[in-house]
Amino acid sequence: MSSLKQHPKISVTPTSIADVLIIEPKVFGDERGWFTESFNAQDFSGAVGLDVNFVQDNHSFSRQSTLRGMHYQLEKAQGKLVRVVSGSVYDVAVDLRKNSPTYGKWMGLELSAENHKQLWIPAGLAHGFLVLTPMAEFLYKTTDYYHPQSEICLAWDDPTVAIEWPKSPSFTPNLNPKDLAGLSWEQVPKF
């Protein structure tokens, strides 16, 4: 990836995982409310040094303690630009790229309607999130189409990866059957 460039409309911050970036669009506000350009292909490409073609937008609604993940597609691997438009989530990416300097590592970040932060997660990473508020609406753009035949789920609580989810001692995530059957780090195919 090219080096990050300063851009007047968005701020780009590297994370602890190679190529995963925090994107913060400029928010213009006054006593009436606020406005932000949530995505502009030219600005995104100019700031991150990537020419990305998004082909699908997804929108999910989830209730508190819902944990979705850790998902990825082995074929038709997807890069994702994710954000929250209502509520708050703890968003996580796990590096599955064998040639990456951060292979096997994870990073997490709170995304909320209030902070307007977005996360760029390139292809080759597993992704998931935990809903922190009574409800959350989550939007994400993908670089390839959903391909259920090649979807893989890494166990959200795999001890090798050891994601530190924000939780109370009595925390029990709300999981669907696919996420309950997530595979261990040793079992999941890597890139």
Protein backbone atom coordinates (compact mmCIF):
# COMPACT_ATOMS: atom_id res chain seq x y z
CA MET A 1 0.00 0.00 0.00
CA SER A 2 1.18 3.53 -0.73
CA SER A 3 1.86 5.89 2.10
CA LEU A 4 -1.05 7.73 3.70
CA LYS A 5 -1.59 11.30 2.60
CA GLN A 6 -3.04 14.26 4.45
CA HIS A 7 -6.44 15.11 3.05
CA PRO A 8 -8.69 18.10 3.80
CA LYS A 9 -11.96 16.11 4.06
CA ILE A 10 -10.88 12.95 5.90
CA SER A 11 -8.34 11.93 8.51
CA VAL A 12 -6.65 8.52 8.16
CA THR A 13 -4.94 6.81 11.10
CA PRO A 14 -3.07 3.49 10.94
CA THR A 15 -3.94 0.81 13.52
CA SER A 16 -1.91 -1.97 15.10
CA ILE A 17 -2.85 -4.27 12.19
CA ALA A 18 -1.09 -3.75 8.86
CA ASP A 19 -3.33 -1.98 6.31
CA VAL A 20 -6.32 -1.61 8.68
CA LEU A 21 -7.12 2.11 8.86
CA ILE A 22 -9.34 4.37 10.93
CA ILE A 23 -11.13 6.81 8.61
CA GLU A 24 -12.60 9.97 10.12
CA PRO A 25 -14.61 12.13 7.72
CA LYS A 26 -14.73 15.83 8.52
CA VAL A 27 -17.98 16.70 10.29
CA PHE A 28 -19.43 20.19 9.83
CA GLY A 29 -21.78 21.18 12.62
CA ASP A 30 -23.56 24.10 14.20
CA GLU A 31 -26.59 24.65 16.44
CA ARG A 32 -28.86 23.14 13.75
CA GLY A 33 -27.05 19.80 13.60
CA TRP A 34 -24.24 18.40 11.46
CA PHE A 35 -23.28 17.23 7.96
CA THR A 36 -20.58 14.82 6.80
CA GLU A 37 -19.67 13.33 3.46
CA SER A 38 -19.64 9.69 4.63
CA PHE A 39 -17.91 8.41 1.51
CA ASN A 40 -16.27 9.95 -1.53
CA ALA A 41 -14.31 7.54 -3.78
CA GLN A 42 -11.84 10.18 -4.92
CA ASP A 43 -11.11 11.40 -1.38
CA PHE A 44 -10.85 7.83 -0.01
CA SER A 45 -8.43 6.75 -2.76
CA GLY A 46 -6.37 9.92 -2.41
CA ALA A 47 -6.07 9.64 1.35
CA VAL A 48 -5.30 5.93 1.67
CA GLY A 49 -3.42 5.43 -1.59
CA LEU A 50 -5.75 2.68 -2.81
CA ASP A 51 -8.08 2.48 -5.79
CA VAL A 52 -10.96 0.52 -4.24
CA ASN A 53 -14.10 -0.49 -6.09
CA PHE A 54 -17.03 -1.11 -3.73
CA VAL A 55 -19.75 -3.35 -5.21
CA GLN A 56 -22.19 -3.93 -2.35
CA ASP A 57 -23.58 -1.98 0.62
CA ASN A 58 -24.92 -3.85 3.68
CA HIS A 59 -27.00 -2.51 6.57
CA SER A 60 -27.69 -4.46 9.76
CA PHE A 61 -29.72 -3.79 12.89
CA SER A 62 -28.75 -5.60 16.10
CA ARG A 63 -29.74 -5.52 19.75
CA GLN A 64 -27.39 -5.09 22.73
CA SER A 65 -24.94 -7.96 23.37
CA THR A 66 -25.38 -9.31 19.84
CA LEU A 67 -22.01 -10.52 18.61
CA ARG A 68 -21.63 -11.02 14.87
CA GLY A 69 -18.39 -12.61 13.72
CA MET A 70 -15.66 -13.39 13.17
CA HIS A 71 -16.51 -13.73 9.43
CA TYR A 72 -14.60 -13.77 6.16
CA GLN A 73 -14.86 -15.28 2.70
CA LEU A 74 -12.10 -17.53 1.43
CA GLU A 75 -13.13 -17.03 -2.19
CA LYS A 76 -14.25 -13.59 -3.30
CA ALA A 77 -12.48 -12.15 -0.25
CA GLN A 78 -14.00 -8.83 0.74
CA GLY A 79 -12.41 -5.58 1.79
CA LYS A 80 -14.86 -3.67 4.01
CA LEU A 81 -15.39 -0.04 4.94
CA VAL A 82 -17.55 -0.18 8.09
CA ARG A 83 -19.38 2.42 10.19
CA VAL A 84 -22.20 2.80 12.71
CA VAL A 85 -25.12 5.17 12.10
CA SER A 86 -27.06 4.49 15.30
CA GLY A 87 -25.74 3.26 18.64
CA SER A 88 -22.28 1.88 19.32
CA VAL A 89 -20.31 -1.31 18.63
CA TYR A 90 -16.90 -2.73 19.44
CA ASP A 91 -15.52 -3.62 16.01
CA VAL A 92 -12.76 -6.23 15.61
CA ALA A 93 -10.47 -7.40 12.79
CA VAL A 94 -8.15 -10.44 12.87
CA ASP A 95 -5.27 -10.72 10.39
CA LEU A 96 -5.35 -14.03 8.48
CA ARG A 97 -2.71 -13.08 5.87
CA LYS A 98 0.29 -15.40 6.34
CA ASN A 99 2.70 -12.88 4.74
CA SER A 100 1.54 -9.98 6.91
CA PRO A 101 3.75 -8.63 9.72
CA THR A 102 0.64 -8.73 11.95
CA TYR A 103 -0.50 -12.27 11.02
CA GLY A 104 -2.59 -13.77 13.83
CA LYS A 105 -3.06 -10.44 15.62
CA TRP A 106 -6.33 -8.65 16.32
CA MET A 107 -7.37 -5.06 16.88
CA GLY A 108 -10.58 -3.55 18.22
CA LEU A 109 -12.14 -0.11 18.12
CA GLU A 110 -15.40 1.45 19.26
CA LEU A 111 -17.42 2.76 16.34
CA SER A 112 -20.45 4.88 17.11
CA ALA A 113 -22.95 7.26 15.60
CA GLU A 114 -21.38 9.97 17.78
CA ASN A 115 -17.71 9.50 16.84
CA HIS A 116 -18.36 9.05 13.07
CA LYS A 117 -15.29 6.79 12.83
CA GLN A 118 -15.07 4.25 10.05
CA LEU A 119 -12.74 1.29 9.74
CA TRP A 120 -11.13 0.11 6.50
CA ILE A 121 -10.54 -3.66 6.72
CA PRO A 122 -8.77 -5.08 3.66
CA ALA A 123 -9.43 -8.54 2.23
CA GLY A 124 -7.70 -11.30 4.16
CA LEU A 125 -9.01 -10.42 7.61
CA ALA A 126 -11.82 -11.86 9.72
CA HIS A 127 -14.29 -9.25 10.96
CA GLY A 128 -16.91 -9.02 13.66
CA PHE A 129 -18.56 -6.70 16.15
CA LEU A 130 -20.30 -6.60 19.52
CA VAL A 131 -23.25 -4.24 20.11
CA LEU A 132 -22.61 -2.05 23.17
CA THR A 133 -25.82 0.01 23.27
CA PRO A 134 -29.50 -1.06 23.44
CA MET A 135 -29.39 -1.26 19.63
CA ALA A 136 -27.07 -0.41 16.76
CA GLU A 137 -27.31 0.05 13.02
CA PHE A 138 -24.16 -0.97 11.17
CA LEU A 139 -23.33 -0.09 7.54
CA TYR A 140 -20.56 -1.50 5.44
CA LYS A 141 -19.35 -1.30 1.88
CA THR A 142 -17.68 -4.39 0.38
CA THR A 143 -15.22 -4.87 -2.47
CA ASP A 144 -16.78 -8.17 -3.57
CA TYR A 145 -20.19 -9.80 -3.44
CA TYR A 146 -21.43 -12.04 -0.66
CA HIS A 147 -20.39 -15.64 -1.42
CA PRO A 148 -22.02 -17.90 1.20
CA GLN A 149 -20.34 -21.04 -0.16
CA SER A 150 -16.92 -19.78 0.94
CA GLU A 151 -17.88 -17.96 4.15
CA ILE A 152 -15.80 -19.00 7.16
CA CYS A 153 -16.40 -18.18 10.81
CA LEU A 154 -13.48 -17.97 13.23
CA ALA A 155 -14.66 -18.58 16.79
CA TRP A 156 -15.24 -15.25 18.54
CA ASP A 157 -13.70 -16.65 21.74
CA ASP A 158 -10.79 -18.61 20.27
CA PRO A 159 -8.08 -18.78 22.99
CA THR A 160 -5.19 -18.54 20.49
CA VAL A 161 -6.42 -15.24 19.06
CA ALA A 162 -7.67 -14.13 22.51
CA ILE A 163 -9.81 -11.14 21.52
CA GLU A 164 -10.51 -8.96 24.57
CA TRP A 165 -14.19 -8.15 24.10
CA PRO A 166 -15.58 -5.45 26.43
CA LYS A 167 -17.75 -7.37 28.84
CA SER A 168 -18.98 -7.64 32.39
CA PRO A 169 -18.38 -10.78 34.49
CA SER A 170 -21.90 -12.01 33.66
CA PHE A 171 -21.53 -11.29 29.93
CA THR A 172 -23.19 -13.78 27.58
CA PRO A 173 -23.15 -12.76 23.92
CA ASN A 174 -26.21 -13.24 21.74
CA LEU A 175 -24.94 -15.47 18.89
CA ASN A 176 -26.60 -17.10 15.90
CA PRO A 177 -25.98 -20.81 15.14
CA LYS A 178 -23.27 -20.02 12.57
CA ASP A 179 -21.29 -17.98 15.09
CA LEU A 180 -21.80 -20.57 17.83
CA ALA A 181 -20.15 -23.12 15.51
CA GLY A 182 -17.11 -20.94 14.73
CA LEU A 183 -13.85 -22.77 14.01
CA SER A 184 -10.65 -22.52 16.03
CA TRP A 185 -7.56 -20.63 14.83
CA GLU A 186 -5.93 -23.97 13.99
CA GLN A 187 -8.96 -25.08 11.91
CA VAL A 188 -9.68 -21.96 9.84
CA PRO A 189 -8.07 -21.65 6.41
CA LYS A 190 -5.74 -18.66 6.06
CA PHE A 191 -4.71 -16.45 3.14
